[in-house]
Amino acid sequence: MPKSITHTYSRYSRDALALLGVLVQKSVRKERKLITQEVADRAGIS
């Protein structure tokens, strides 16, 4: 089995990726016109 590859990312890269994820989530939610509670219900979060 091939050895797994470990990547090292800077703190800035990780922060940028996290921010991008949040922006994508908000965009999808707006596009689908979902309210926060509906998103939480789908994710199984209270």
Protein backbone atom coordinates (compact mmCIF):
# COMPACT_ATOMS: atom_id res chain seq x y z
CA MET A 1 0.00 0.00 0.00
CA PRO A 2 1.43 3.44 -0.87
CA LYS A 3 2.52 5.67 1.95
CA SER A 4 0.11 8.55 2.65
CA ILE A 5 1.38 11.95 1.69
CA THR A 6 1.46 14.63 4.37
CA HIS A 7 1.16 18.22 3.22
CA THR A 8 2.26 21.19 5.24
CA TYR A 9 0.18 24.32 4.80
CA SER A 10 0.84 27.72 6.27
CA ARG A 11 -1.51 29.22 8.82
CA TYR A 12 -2.57 31.81 6.24
CA SER A 13 -3.43 29.11 3.70
CA ARG A 14 -5.54 27.20 6.23
CA ASP A 15 -7.32 30.40 7.30
CA ALA A 16 -7.99 31.34 3.68
CA LEU A 17 -9.39 27.89 2.96
CA ALA A 18 -11.64 28.04 6.02
CA LEU A 19 -12.93 31.46 4.94
CA LEU A 20 -13.55 30.18 1.41
CA GLY A 21 -15.56 27.29 2.85
CA VAL A 22 -17.72 29.67 4.86
CA LEU A 23 -18.34 31.86 1.82
CA VAL A 24 -19.31 28.85 -0.30
CA GLN A 25 -21.72 27.65 2.39
CA LYS A 26 -23.37 31.06 2.59
CA SER A 27 -23.60 31.27 -1.18
CA VAL A 28 -25.25 27.85 -1.48
CA ARG A 29 -27.63 28.64 1.36
CA LYS A 30 -28.69 31.90 -0.29
CA GLU A 31 -29.07 30.21 -3.65
CA ARG A 32 -31.32 27.53 -2.17
CA LYS A 33 -33.02 30.04 0.15
CA LEU A 34 -32.42 27.90 3.20
CA ILE A 35 -32.65 29.31 6.67
CA THR A 36 -29.98 28.56 9.26
CA GLN A 37 -32.20 26.10 11.11
CA GLU A 38 -32.84 24.07 7.93
CA VAL A 39 -29.09 23.85 7.29
CA ALA A 40 -28.52 22.75 10.88
CA ASP A 41 -31.27 20.13 10.62
CA ARG A 42 -29.73 18.68 7.47
CA ALA A 43 -26.33 18.54 9.13
CA GLY A 44 -27.77 16.98 12.28
CA ILE A 45 -26.76 19.94 14.43
CA SER A 46 -29.06 21.54 16.98
